[in-house]
Amino acid sequence: AWISLMEADLEGNSSAYVTNPTGSWAGHMLRVKLSPRWDDPS
């Protein structure tokens, strides 16, 4: 297959990024990371 990874209808939310957190040559996954708020990045 061919695959596209996207997002839709962001109203009221922050945008999503992805990263591969495995740190391994064998890891082939992605995990969502939401864009943090500017006033309180936590």
PDB file of all heavy atoms in Angstrom:
ATOM      1  N   ALA A   1       0.826  -1.207   0.000  1.00  0.00           N
ATOM      2  CA  ALA A   1       0.000   0.000   0.000  1.00  0.00           C
ATOM      3  C   ALA A   1       0.859   1.255   0.000  1.00  0.00           C
ATOM      4  O   ALA A   1       2.038   1.238   0.395  1.00  0.00           O
ATOM      5  CB  ALA A   1      -0.923   0.019   1.223  1.00  0.00           C
ATOM      6  N   TRP A   2       0.230   2.343  -0.421  1.00  0.00           N
ATOM      7  CA  TRP A   2       0.730   3.699  -0.221  1.00  0.00           C
ATOM      8  C   TRP A   2      -0.133   4.330   0.859  1.00  0.00           C
ATOM      9  O   TRP A   2      -1.342   4.124   0.901  1.00  0.00           O
ATOM     10  CB  TRP A   2       0.660   4.510  -1.503  1.00  0.00           C
ATOM     11  CG  TRP A   2       1.700   4.110  -2.504  1.00  0.00           C
ATOM     12  CD1 TRP A   2       1.614   3.108  -3.422  1.00  0.00           C
ATOM     13  CD2 TRP A   2       2.990   4.702  -2.665  1.00  0.00           C
ATOM     14  NE1 TRP A   2       2.777   3.018  -4.146  1.00  0.00           N
ATOM     15  CE2 TRP A   2       3.642   3.996  -3.709  1.00  0.00           C
ATOM     16  CE3 TRP A   2       3.659   5.744  -2.046  1.00  0.00           C
ATOM     17  CZ2 TRP A   2       4.924   4.322  -4.136  1.00  0.00           C
ATOM     18  CZ3 TRP A   2       4.940   6.073  -2.469  1.00  0.00           C
ATOM     19  CH2 TRP A   2       5.566   5.367  -3.505  1.00  0.00           C
ATOM     20  N   ILE A   3       0.498   5.115   1.719  1.00  0.00           N
ATOM     21  CA  ILE A   3      -0.183   5.628   2.912  1.00  0.00           C
ATOM     22  C   ILE A   3       0.122   7.117   3.071  1.00  0.00           C
ATOM     23  O   ILE A   3       1.272   7.541   2.902  1.00  0.00           O
ATOM     24  CB  ILE A   3       0.289   4.877   4.178  1.00  0.00           C
ATOM     25  CG1 ILE A   3       0.127   3.365   3.990  1.00  0.00           C
ATOM     26  CG2 ILE A   3      -0.465   5.346   5.408  1.00  0.00           C
ATOM     27  CD1 ILE A   3       1.071   2.542   4.826  1.00  0.00           C
ATOM     28  N   SER A   4      -0.883   7.891   3.400  1.00  0.00           N
ATOM     29  CA  SER A   4      -0.671   9.293   3.778  1.00  0.00           C
ATOM     30  C   SER A   4      -1.120   9.474   5.217  1.00  0.00           C
ATOM     31  O   SER A   4      -2.157   8.954   5.627  1.00  0.00           O
ATOM     32  CB  SER A   4      -1.452  10.237   2.856  1.00  0.00           C
ATOM     33  OG  SER A   4      -2.851   9.984   2.930  1.00  0.00           O
ATOM     34  N   LEU A   5      -0.323  10.181   5.995  1.00  0.00           N
ATOM     35  CA  LEU A   5      -0.643  10.467   7.389  1.00  0.00           C
ATOM     36  C   LEU A   5      -0.918  11.964   7.509  1.00  0.00           C
ATOM     37  O   LEU A   5      -0.037  12.788   7.235  1.00  0.00           O
ATOM     38  CB  LEU A   5       0.519  10.050   8.282  1.00  0.00           C
ATOM     39  CG  LEU A   5       0.368  10.267   9.792  1.00  0.00           C
ATOM     40  CD1 LEU A   5      -0.863   9.548  10.317  1.00  0.00           C
ATOM     41  CD2 LEU A   5       1.624   9.800  10.516  1.00  0.00           C
ATOM     42  N   MET A   6      -2.158  12.315   7.919  1.00  0.00           N
ATOM     43  CA  MET A   6      -2.579  13.710   7.943  1.00  0.00           C
ATOM     44  C   MET A   6      -3.455  13.960   9.164  1.00  0.00           C
ATOM     45  O   MET A   6      -3.662  13.068   9.990  1.00  0.00           O
ATOM     46  CB  MET A   6      -3.337  14.059   6.656  1.00  0.00           C
ATOM     47  CG  MET A   6      -2.556  13.811   5.381  1.00  0.00           C
ATOM     48  SD  MET A   6      -3.469  14.275   3.892  1.00  0.00           S
ATOM     49  CE  MET A   6      -4.773  13.048   3.888  1.00  0.00           C
ATOM     50  N   GLU A   7      -4.015  15.164   9.248  1.00  0.00           N
ATOM     51  CA  GLU A   7      -4.975  15.508  10.283  1.00  0.00           C
ATOM     52  C   GLU A   7      -6.055  16.396   9.680  1.00  0.00           C
ATOM     53  O   GLU A   7      -5.881  16.974   8.609  1.00  0.00           O
ATOM     54  CB  GLU A   7      -4.289  16.212  11.464  1.00  0.00           C
ATOM     55  CG  GLU A   7      -3.483  17.438  11.080  1.00  0.00           C
ATOM     56  CD  GLU A   7      -2.731  18.024  12.266  1.00  0.00           C
ATOM     57  OE1 GLU A   7      -3.052  17.669  13.416  1.00  0.00           O
ATOM     58  OE2 GLU A   7      -1.837  18.860  12.042  1.00  0.00           O
ATOM     59  N   ALA A   8      -7.204  16.477  10.374  1.00  0.00           N
ATOM     60  CA  ALA A   8      -8.338  17.245   9.867  1.00  0.00           C
ATOM     61  C   ALA A   8      -9.128  17.834  11.022  1.00  0.00           C
ATOM     62  O   ALA A   8      -9.138  17.284  12.127  1.00  0.00           O
ATOM     63  CB  ALA A   8      -9.243  16.363   8.995  1.00  0.00           C
ATOM     64  N   ASP A   9      -9.822  18.946  10.741  1.00  0.00           N
ATOM     65  CA  ASP A   9     -10.690  19.626  11.710  1.00  0.00           C
ATOM     66  C   ASP A   9      -9.951  19.903  13.013  1.00  0.00           C
ATOM     67  O   ASP A   9     -10.210  19.292  14.042  1.00  0.00           O
ATOM     68  CB  ASP A   9     -11.958  18.809  11.968  1.00  0.00           C
ATOM     69  CG  ASP A   9     -12.982  19.605  12.791  1.00  0.00           C
ATOM     70  OD1 ASP A   9     -12.805  20.824  12.941  1.00  0.00           O
ATOM     71  OD2 ASP A   9     -13.947  18.994  13.273  1.00  0.00           O
ATOM     72  N   LEU A  10      -9.075  20.896  12.991  1.00  0.00           N
ATOM     73  CA  LEU A  10      -8.231  21.208  14.144  1.00  0.00           C
ATOM     74  C   LEU A  10      -8.867  22.208  15.110  1.00  0.00           C
ATOM     75  O   LEU A  10      -8.245  22.557  16.114  1.00  0.00           O
ATOM     76  CB  LEU A  10      -6.885  21.771  13.675  1.00  0.00           C
ATOM     77  CG  LEU A  10      -5.753  20.756  13.428  1.00  0.00           C
ATOM     78  CD1 LEU A  10      -6.135  19.780  12.340  1.00  0.00           C
ATOM     79  CD2 LEU A  10      -4.462  21.472  13.095  1.00  0.00           C
ATOM     80  N   GLU A  11     -10.046  22.662  14.848  1.00  0.00           N
ATOM     81  CA  GLU A  11     -10.632  23.724  15.669  1.00  0.00           C
ATOM     82  C   GLU A  11     -10.653  23.325  17.149  1.00  0.00           C
ATOM     83  O   GLU A  11     -11.092  22.242  17.514  1.00  0.00           O
ATOM     84  CB  GLU A  11     -12.045  24.040  15.202  1.00  0.00           C
ATOM     85  CG  GLU A  11     -12.629  25.290  15.835  1.00  0.00           C
ATOM     86  CD  GLU A  11     -13.915  25.733  15.171  1.00  0.00           C
ATOM     87  OE1 GLU A  11     -14.539  24.917  14.449  1.00  0.00           O
ATOM     88  OE2 GLU A  11     -14.301  26.900  15.358  1.00  0.00           O
ATOM     89  N   GLY A  12     -10.158  24.242  17.994  1.00  0.00           N
ATOM     90  CA  GLY A  12     -10.111  23.985  19.435  1.00  0.00           C
ATOM     91  C   GLY A  12      -8.929  23.163  19.879  1.00  0.00           C
ATOM     92  O   GLY A  12      -8.804  22.836  21.070  1.00  0.00           O
ATOM     93  N   ASN A  13      -8.026  22.809  18.969  1.00  0.00           N
ATOM     94  CA  ASN A  13      -6.898  21.932  19.277  1.00  0.00           C
ATOM     95  C   ASN A  13      -5.583  22.552  18.830  1.00  0.00           C
ATOM     96  O   ASN A  13      -5.551  23.589  18.166  1.00  0.00           O
ATOM     97  CB  ASN A  13      -7.091  20.585  18.571  1.00  0.00           C
ATOM     98  CG  ASN A  13      -8.250  19.787  19.135  1.00  0.00           C
ATOM     99  OD1 ASN A  13      -8.114  19.138  20.165  1.00  0.00           O
ATOM    100  ND2 ASN A  13      -9.407  19.848  18.485  1.00  0.00           N
ATOM    101  N   SER A  14      -4.507  21.912  19.195  1.00  0.00           N
ATOM    102  CA  SER A  14      -3.208  22.236  18.613  1.00  0.00           C
ATOM    103  C   SER A  14      -2.935  21.229  17.500  1.00  0.00           C
ATOM    104  O   SER A  14      -3.623  20.216  17.380  1.00  0.00           O
ATOM    105  CB  SER A  14      -2.108  22.183  19.671  1.00  0.00           C
ATOM    106  OG  SER A  14      -1.890  20.850  20.089  1.00  0.00           O
ATOM    107  N   SER A  15      -1.937  21.512  16.688  1.00  0.00           N
ATOM    108  CA  SER A  15      -1.624  20.598  15.591  1.00  0.00           C
ATOM    109  C   SER A  15      -0.797  19.421  16.099  1.00  0.00           C
ATOM    110  O   SER A  15      -0.221  19.458  17.185  1.00  0.00           O
ATOM    111  CB  SER A  15      -0.855  21.326  14.497  1.00  0.00           C
ATOM    112  OG  SER A  15       0.426  21.677  14.983  1.00  0.00           O
ATOM    113  N   ALA A  16      -0.751  18.389  15.279  1.00  0.00           N
ATOM    114  CA  ALA A  16      -0.004  17.182  15.635  1.00  0.00           C
ATOM    115  C   ALA A  16       1.247  17.055  14.780  1.00  0.00           C
ATOM    116  O   ALA A  16       1.229  17.320  13.574  1.00  0.00           O
ATOM    117  CB  ALA A  16      -0.880  15.948  15.457  1.00  0.00           C
ATOM    118  N   TYR A  17       2.316  16.666  15.423  1.00  0.00           N
ATOM    119  CA  TYR A  17       3.535  16.218  14.756  1.00  0.00           C
ATOM    120  C   TYR A  17       3.687  14.729  15.082  1.00  0.00           C
ATOM    121  O   TYR A  17       2.959  14.190  15.920  1.00  0.00           O
ATOM    122  CB  TYR A  17       4.755  16.979  15.267  1.00  0.00           C
ATOM    123  CG  TYR A  17       4.754  18.460  14.998  1.00  0.00           C
ATOM    124  CD1 TYR A  17       3.896  19.315  15.675  1.00  0.00           C
ATOM    125  CD2 TYR A  17       5.635  19.017  14.071  1.00  0.00           C
ATOM    126  CE1 TYR A  17       3.901  20.686  15.440  1.00  0.00           C
ATOM    127  CE2 TYR A  17       5.655  20.390  13.828  1.00  0.00           C
ATOM    128  CZ  TYR A  17       4.785  21.224  14.509  1.00  0.00           C
ATOM    129  OH  TYR A  17       4.800  22.569  14.271  1.00  0.00           O
ATOM    130  N   VAL A  18       4.635  14.076  14.445  1.00  0.00           N
ATOM    131  CA  VAL A  18       4.945  12.693  14.810  1.00  0.00           C
ATOM    132  C   VAL A  18       6.449  12.537  14.954  1.00  0.00           C
ATOM    133  O   VAL A  18       7.235  13.312  14.387  1.00  0.00           O
ATOM    134  CB  VAL A  18       4.405  11.667  13.781  1.00  0.00           C
ATOM    135  CG1 VAL A  18       2.892  11.596  13.838  1.00  0.00           C
ATOM    136  CG2 VAL A  18       4.886  11.994  12.370  1.00  0.00           C
ATOM    137  N   THR A  19       6.842  11.544  15.715  1.00  0.00           N
ATOM    138  CA  THR A  19       8.252  11.224  15.885  1.00  0.00           C
ATOM    139  C   THR A  19       8.379   9.720  16.091  1.00  0.00           C
ATOM    140  O   THR A  19       7.422   9.055  16.495  1.00  0.00           O
ATOM    141  CB  THR A  19       8.843  11.986  17.086  1.00  0.00           C
ATOM    142  OG1 THR A  19      10.258  11.808  17.119  1.00  0.00           O
ATOM    143  CG2 THR A  19       8.235  11.507  18.393  1.00  0.00           C
ATOM    144  N   ASN A  20       9.545   9.173  15.786  1.00  0.00           N
ATOM    145  CA  ASN A  20       9.835   7.767  16.082  1.00  0.00           C
ATOM    146  C   ASN A  20      10.606   7.722  17.388  1.00  0.00           C
ATOM    147  O   ASN A  20      11.785   8.091  17.435  1.00  0.00           O
ATOM    148  CB  ASN A  20      10.651   7.140  14.952  1.00  0.00           C
ATOM    149  CG  ASN A  20      10.867   5.645  15.149  1.00  0.00           C
ATOM    150  OD1 ASN A  20      10.776   5.132  16.264  1.00  0.00           O
ATOM    151  ND2 ASN A  20      11.166   4.937  14.073  1.00  0.00           N
ATOM    152  N   PRO A  21       9.967   7.279  18.479  1.00  0.00           N
ATOM    153  CA  PRO A  21      10.610   7.354  19.796  1.00  0.00           C
ATOM    154  C   PRO A  21      11.450   6.138  20.159  1.00  0.00           C
ATOM    155  O   PRO A  21      11.999   6.087  21.261  1.00  0.00           O
ATOM    156  CB  PRO A  21       9.401   7.447  20.731  1.00  0.00           C
ATOM    157  CG  PRO A  21       8.359   6.602  20.061  1.00  0.00           C
ATOM    158  CD  PRO A  21       8.582   6.773  18.570  1.00  0.00           C
ATOM    159  N   THR A  22      11.570   5.150  19.277  1.00  0.00           N
ATOM    160  CA  THR A  22      12.152   3.863  19.670  1.00  0.00           C
ATOM    161  C   THR A  22      13.645   3.941  19.939  1.00  0.00           C
ATOM    162  O   THR A  22      14.172   3.196  20.770  1.00  0.00           O
ATOM    163  CB  THR A  22      11.895   2.807  18.589  1.00  0.00           C
ATOM    164  OG1 THR A  22      12.540   3.210  17.371  1.00  0.00           O
ATOM    165  CG2 THR A  22      10.401   2.642  18.340  1.00  0.00           C
ATOM    166  N   GLY A  23      14.353   4.810  19.197  1.00  0.00           N
ATOM    167  CA  GLY A  23      15.805   4.873  19.345  1.00  0.00           C
ATOM    168  C   GLY A  23      16.530   3.660  18.824  1.00  0.00           C
ATOM    169  O   GLY A  23      17.714   3.451  19.089  1.00  0.00           O
ATOM    170  N   SER A  24      15.831   2.854  18.027  1.00  0.00           N
ATOM    171  CA  SER A  24      16.381   1.553  17.606  1.00  0.00           C
ATOM    172  C   SER A  24      16.356   1.428  16.089  1.00  0.00           C
ATOM    173  O   SER A  24      15.461   1.927  15.420  1.00  0.00           O
ATOM    174  CB  SER A  24      15.547   0.424  18.226  1.00  0.00           C
ATOM    175  OG  SER A  24      15.796  -0.808  17.598  1.00  0.00           O
ATOM    176  N   TRP A  25      17.355   0.712  15.564  1.00  0.00           N
ATOM    177  CA  TRP A  25      17.360   0.407  14.141  1.00  0.00           C
ATOM    178  C   TRP A  25      16.155  -0.455  13.752  1.00  0.00           C
ATOM    179  O   TRP A  25      15.744  -0.469  12.604  1.00  0.00           O
ATOM    180  CB  TRP A  25      18.642  -0.341  13.777  1.00  0.00           C
ATOM    181  CG  TRP A  25      19.794   0.564  13.502  1.00  0.00           C
ATOM    182  CD1 TRP A  25      19.745   1.886  13.175  1.00  0.00           C
ATOM    183  CD2 TRP A  25      21.182   0.211  13.519  1.00  0.00           C
ATOM    184  NE1 TRP A  25      20.997   2.383  12.990  1.00  0.00           N
ATOM    185  CE2 TRP A  25      21.915   1.372  13.195  1.00  0.00           C
ATOM    186  CE3 TRP A  25      21.869  -0.966  13.780  1.00  0.00           C
ATOM    187  CZ2 TRP A  25      23.310   1.394  13.113  1.00  0.00           C
ATOM    188  CZ3 TRP A  25      23.256  -0.950  13.690  1.00  0.00           C
ATOM    189  CH2 TRP A  25      23.967   0.211  13.364  1.00  0.00           C
ATOM    190  N   ALA A  26      15.638  -1.194  14.717  1.00  0.00           N
ATOM    191  CA  ALA A  26      14.521  -2.103  14.429  1.00  0.00           C
ATOM    192  C   ALA A  26      13.164  -1.435  14.615  1.00  0.00           C
ATOM    193  O   ALA A  26      12.136  -2.045  14.334  1.00  0.00           O
ATOM    194  CB  ALA A  26      14.607  -3.338  15.322  1.00  0.00           C
ATOM    195  N   GLY A  27      13.139  -0.209  15.100  1.00  0.00           N
ATOM    196  CA  GLY A  27      11.862   0.433  15.403  1.00  0.00           C
ATOM    197  C   GLY A  27      11.270   1.139  14.202  1.00  0.00           C
ATOM    198  O   GLY A  27      11.928   1.987  13.586  1.00  0.00           O
ATOM    199  N   HIS A  28      10.051   0.783  13.828  1.00  0.00           N
ATOM    200  CA  HIS A  28       9.401   1.466  12.700  1.00  0.00           C
ATOM    201  C   HIS A  28       7.989   1.884  13.079  1.00  0.00           C
ATOM    202  O   HIS A  28       7.006   1.446  12.492  1.00  0.00           O
ATOM    203  CB  HIS A  28       9.427   0.628  11.423  1.00  0.00           C
ATOM    204  CG  HIS A  28       9.175  -0.834  11.609  1.00  0.00           C
ATOM    205  ND1 HIS A  28       7.914  -1.368  11.677  1.00  0.00           N
ATOM    206  CD2 HIS A  28      10.037  -1.874  11.727  1.00  0.00           C
ATOM    207  CE1 HIS A  28       8.001  -2.673  11.821  1.00  0.00           C
ATOM    208  NE2 HIS A  28       9.271  -3.023  11.858  1.00  0.00           N
ATOM    209  N   MET A  29       7.916   2.742  14.083  1.00  0.00           N
ATOM    210  CA  MET A  29       6.640   3.280  14.523  1.00  0.00           C
ATOM    211  C   MET A  29       6.727   4.801  14.598  1.00  0.00           C
ATOM    212  O   MET A  29       7.814   5.384  14.607  1.00  0.00           O
ATOM    213  CB  MET A  29       6.263   2.734  15.896  1.00  0.00           C
ATOM    214  CG  MET A  29       7.187   3.200  16.999  1.00  0.00           C
ATOM    215  SD  MET A  29       6.566   2.879  18.676  1.00  0.00           S
ATOM    216  CE  MET A  29       5.286   4.089  18.816  1.00  0.00           C
ATOM    217  N   LEU A  30       5.573   5.449  14.648  1.00  0.00           N
ATOM    218  CA  LEU A  30       5.488   6.892  14.865  1.00  0.00           C
ATOM    219  C   LEU A  30       4.518   7.152  16.006  1.00  0.00           C
ATOM    220  O   LEU A  30       3.557   6.405  16.192  1.00  0.00           O
ATOM    221  CB  LEU A  30       5.006   7.607  13.597  1.00  0.00           C
ATOM    222  CG  LEU A  30       5.916   7.511  12.372  1.00  0.00           C
ATOM    223  CD1 LEU A  30       5.237   8.121  11.155  1.00  0.00           C
ATOM    224  CD2 LEU A  30       7.265   8.189  12.627  1.00  0.00           C
ATOM    225  N   ARG A  31       4.778   8.200  16.758  1.00  0.00           N
ATOM    226  CA  ARG A  31       3.899   8.579  17.865  1.00  0.00           C
ATOM    227  C   ARG A  31       3.561  10.059  17.749  1.00  0.00           C
ATOM    228  O   ARG A  31       4.405  10.873  17.386  1.00  0.00           O
ATOM    229  CB  ARG A  31       4.568   8.292  19.207  1.00  0.00           C
ATOM    230  CG  ARG A  31       3.723   8.708  20.421  1.00  0.00           C
ATOM    231  CD  ARG A  31       4.403   8.339  21.717  1.00  0.00           C
ATOM    232  NE  ARG A  31       4.437   6.890  21.897  1.00  0.00           N
ATOM    233  CZ  ARG A  31       5.315   6.251  22.673  1.00  0.00           C
ATOM    234  NH1 ARG A  31       6.241   6.952  23.320  1.00  0.00           N
ATOM    235  NH2 ARG A  31       5.261   4.933  22.795  1.00  0.00           N
ATOM    236  N   VAL A  32       2.320  10.384  18.060  1.00  0.00           N
ATOM    237  CA  VAL A  32       1.857  11.767  17.971  1.00  0.00           C
ATOM    238  C   VAL A  32       2.490  12.608  19.075  1.00  0.00           C
ATOM    239  O   VAL A  32       2.621  12.176  20.223  1.00  0.00           O
ATOM    240  CB  VAL A  32       0.312  11.827  18.088  1.00  0.00           C
ATOM    241  CG1 VAL A  32      -0.163  13.262  18.322  1.00  0.00           C
ATOM    242  CG2 VAL A  32      -0.326  11.257  16.829  1.00  0.00           C
ATOM    243  N   LYS A  33       2.906  13.819  18.692  1.00  0.00           N
ATOM    244  CA  LYS A  33       3.343  14.828  19.653  1.00  0.00           C
ATOM    245  C   LYS A  33       2.572  16.111  19.332  1.00  0.00           C
ATOM    246  O   LYS A  33       2.691  16.644  18.234  1.00  0.00           O
ATOM    247  CB  LYS A  33       4.852  15.083  19.561  1.00  0.00           C
ATOM    248  CG  LYS A  33       5.697  13.921  20.040  1.00  0.00           C
ATOM    249  CD  LYS A  33       7.176  14.206  19.891  1.00  0.00           C
ATOM    250  CE  LYS A  33       7.678  15.246  20.866  1.00  0.00           C
ATOM    251  NZ  LYS A  33       7.715  14.765  22.251  1.00  0.00           N
ATOM    252  N   LEU A  34       1.783  16.572  20.274  1.00  0.00           N
ATOM    253  CA  LEU A  34       0.980  17.770  20.059  1.00  0.00           C
ATOM    254  C   LEU A  34       1.820  19.022  20.281  1.00  0.00           C
ATOM    255  O   LEU A  34       2.648  19.084  21.194  1.00  0.00           O
ATOM    256  CB  LEU A  34      -0.219  17.780  21.007  1.00  0.00           C
ATOM    257  CG  LEU A  34      -1.246  16.653  20.819  1.00  0.00           C
ATOM    258  CD1 LEU A  34      -2.359  16.794  21.844  1.00  0.00           C
ATOM    259  CD2 LEU A  34      -1.819  16.649  19.400  1.00  0.00           C
ATOM    260  N   SER A  35       1.575  20.022  19.454  1.00  0.00           N
ATOM    261  CA  SER A  35       2.273  21.298  19.595  1.00  0.00           C
ATOM    262  C   SER A  35       1.900  21.936  20.935  1.00  0.00           C
ATOM    263  O   SER A  35       0.719  22.141  21.221  1.00  0.00           O
ATOM    264  CB  SER A  35       1.882  22.230  18.445  1.00  0.00           C
ATOM    265  OG  SER A  35       2.584  23.448  18.510  1.00  0.00           O
ATOM    266  N   PRO A  36       2.876  22.246  21.784  1.00  0.00           N
ATOM    267  CA  PRO A  36       2.557  22.762  23.127  1.00  0.00           C
ATOM    268  C   PRO A  36       2.102  24.221  23.099  1.00  0.00           C
ATOM    269  O   PRO A  36       2.454  24.980  22.195  1.00  0.00           O
ATOM    270  CB  PRO A  36       3.885  22.621  23.877  1.00  0.00           C
ATOM    271  CG  PRO A  36       4.920  22.700  22.809  1.00  0.00           C
ATOM    272  CD  PRO A  36       4.323  22.073  21.583  1.00  0.00           C
ATOM    273  N   ARG A  37       1.332  24.582  24.111  1.00  0.00           N
ATOM    274  CA  ARG A  37       0.900  25.969  24.248  1.00  0.00           C
ATOM    275  C   ARG A  37       2.111  26.870  24.506  1.00  0.00           C
ATOM    276  O   ARG A  37       3.081  26.467  25.144  1.00  0.00           O
ATOM    277  CB  ARG A  37      -0.098  26.115  25.400  1.00  0.00           C
ATOM    278  CG  ARG A  37      -1.452  25.465  25.136  1.00  0.00           C
ATOM    279  CD  ARG A  37      -2.392  25.693  26.313  1.00  0.00           C
ATOM    280  NE  ARG A  37      -2.610  27.123  26.540  1.00  0.00           N
ATOM    281  CZ  ARG A  37      -3.565  27.839  25.955  1.00  0.00           C
ATOM    282  NH1 ARG A  37      -4.407  27.250  25.119  1.00  0.00           N
ATOM    283  NH2 ARG A  37      -3.702  29.134  26.200  1.00  0.00           N
ATOM    284  N   TRP A  38       2.029  28.114  24.028  1.00  0.00           N
ATOM    285  CA  TRP A  38       3.126  29.052  24.249  1.00  0.00           C
ATOM    286  C   TRP A  38       3.138  29.561  25.691  1.00  0.00           C
ATOM    287  O   TRP A  38       4.195  29.807  26.255  1.00  0.00           O
ATOM    288  CB  TRP A  38       3.009  30.237  23.280  1.00  0.00           C
ATOM    289  CG  TRP A  38       3.455  29.902  21.895  1.00  0.00           C
ATOM    290  CD1 TRP A  38       3.541  28.670  21.334  1.00  0.00           C
ATOM    291  CD2 TRP A  38       3.894  30.827  20.904  1.00  0.00           C
ATOM    292  NE1 TRP A  38       3.995  28.754  20.033  1.00  0.00           N
ATOM    293  CE2 TRP A  38       4.219  30.079  19.748  1.00  0.00           C
ATOM    294  CE3 TRP A  38       4.040  32.205  20.860  1.00  0.00           C
ATOM    295  CZ2 TRP A  38       4.675  30.672  18.576  1.00  0.00           C
ATOM    296  CZ3 TRP A  38       4.490  32.800  19.689  1.00  0.00           C
ATOM    297  CH2 TRP A  38       4.811  32.042  18.558  1.00  0.00           C
ATOM    298  N   ASP A  39       1.952  29.730  26.284  1.00  0.00           N
ATOM    299  CA  ASP A  39       1.898  30.297  27.631  1.00  0.00           C
ATOM    300  C   ASP A  39       2.256  29.273  28.705  1.00  0.00           C
ATOM    301  O   ASP A  39       2.741  29.631  29.782  1.00  0.00           O
ATOM    302  CB  ASP A  39       0.521  30.908  27.914  1.00  0.00           C
ATOM    303  CG  ASP A  39      -0.613  29.909  27.704  1.00  0.00           C
ATOM    304  OD1 ASP A  39      -0.349  28.765  27.269  1.00  0.00           O
ATOM    305  OD2 ASP A  39      -1.773  30.285  27.954  1.00  0.00           O
ATOM    306  N   ASP A  40       2.043  27.986  28.423  1.00  0.00           N
ATOM    307  CA  ASP A  40       2.386  26.921  29.368  1.00  0.00           C
ATOM    308  C   ASP A  40       2.707  25.660  28.576  1.00  0.00           C
ATOM    309  O   ASP A  40       1.827  24.836  28.303  1.00  0.00           O
ATOM    310  CB  ASP A  40       1.235  26.667  30.340  1.00  0.00           C
ATOM    311  CG  ASP A  40       1.616  25.647  31.425  1.00  0.00           C
ATOM    312  OD1 ASP A  40       2.724  25.076  31.350  1.00  0.00           O
ATOM    313  OD2 ASP A  40       0.799  25.426  32.333  1.00  0.00           O
ATOM    314  N   PRO A  41       3.968  25.473  28.180  1.00  0.00           N
ATOM    315  CA  PRO A  41       4.347  24.350  27.310  1.00  0.00           C
ATOM    316  C   PRO A  41       4.113  22.971  27.910  1.00  0.00           C
ATOM    317  O   PRO A  41       4.248  21.966  27.198  1.00  0.00           O
ATOM    318  CB  PRO A  41       5.845  24.589  27.063  1.00  0.00           C
ATOM    319  CG  PRO A  41       6.063  26.036  27.335  1.00  0.00           C
ATOM    320  CD  PRO A  41       5.102  26.372  28.432  1.00  0.00           C
ATOM    321  N   SER A  42       3.786  22.878  29.194  1.00  0.00           N
ATOM    322  CA  SER A  42       3.514  21.564  29.774  1.00  0.00           C
ATOM    323  C   SER A  42       2.160  21.026  29.338  1.00  0.00           C
ATOM    324  O   SER A  42       1.855  19.848  29.561  1.00  0.00           O
ATOM    325  CB  SER A  42       3.582  21.632  31.302  1.00  0.00           C
ATOM    326  OG  SER A  42       2.631  22.548  31.814  1.00  0.00           O
TER     327      SER A  42
END
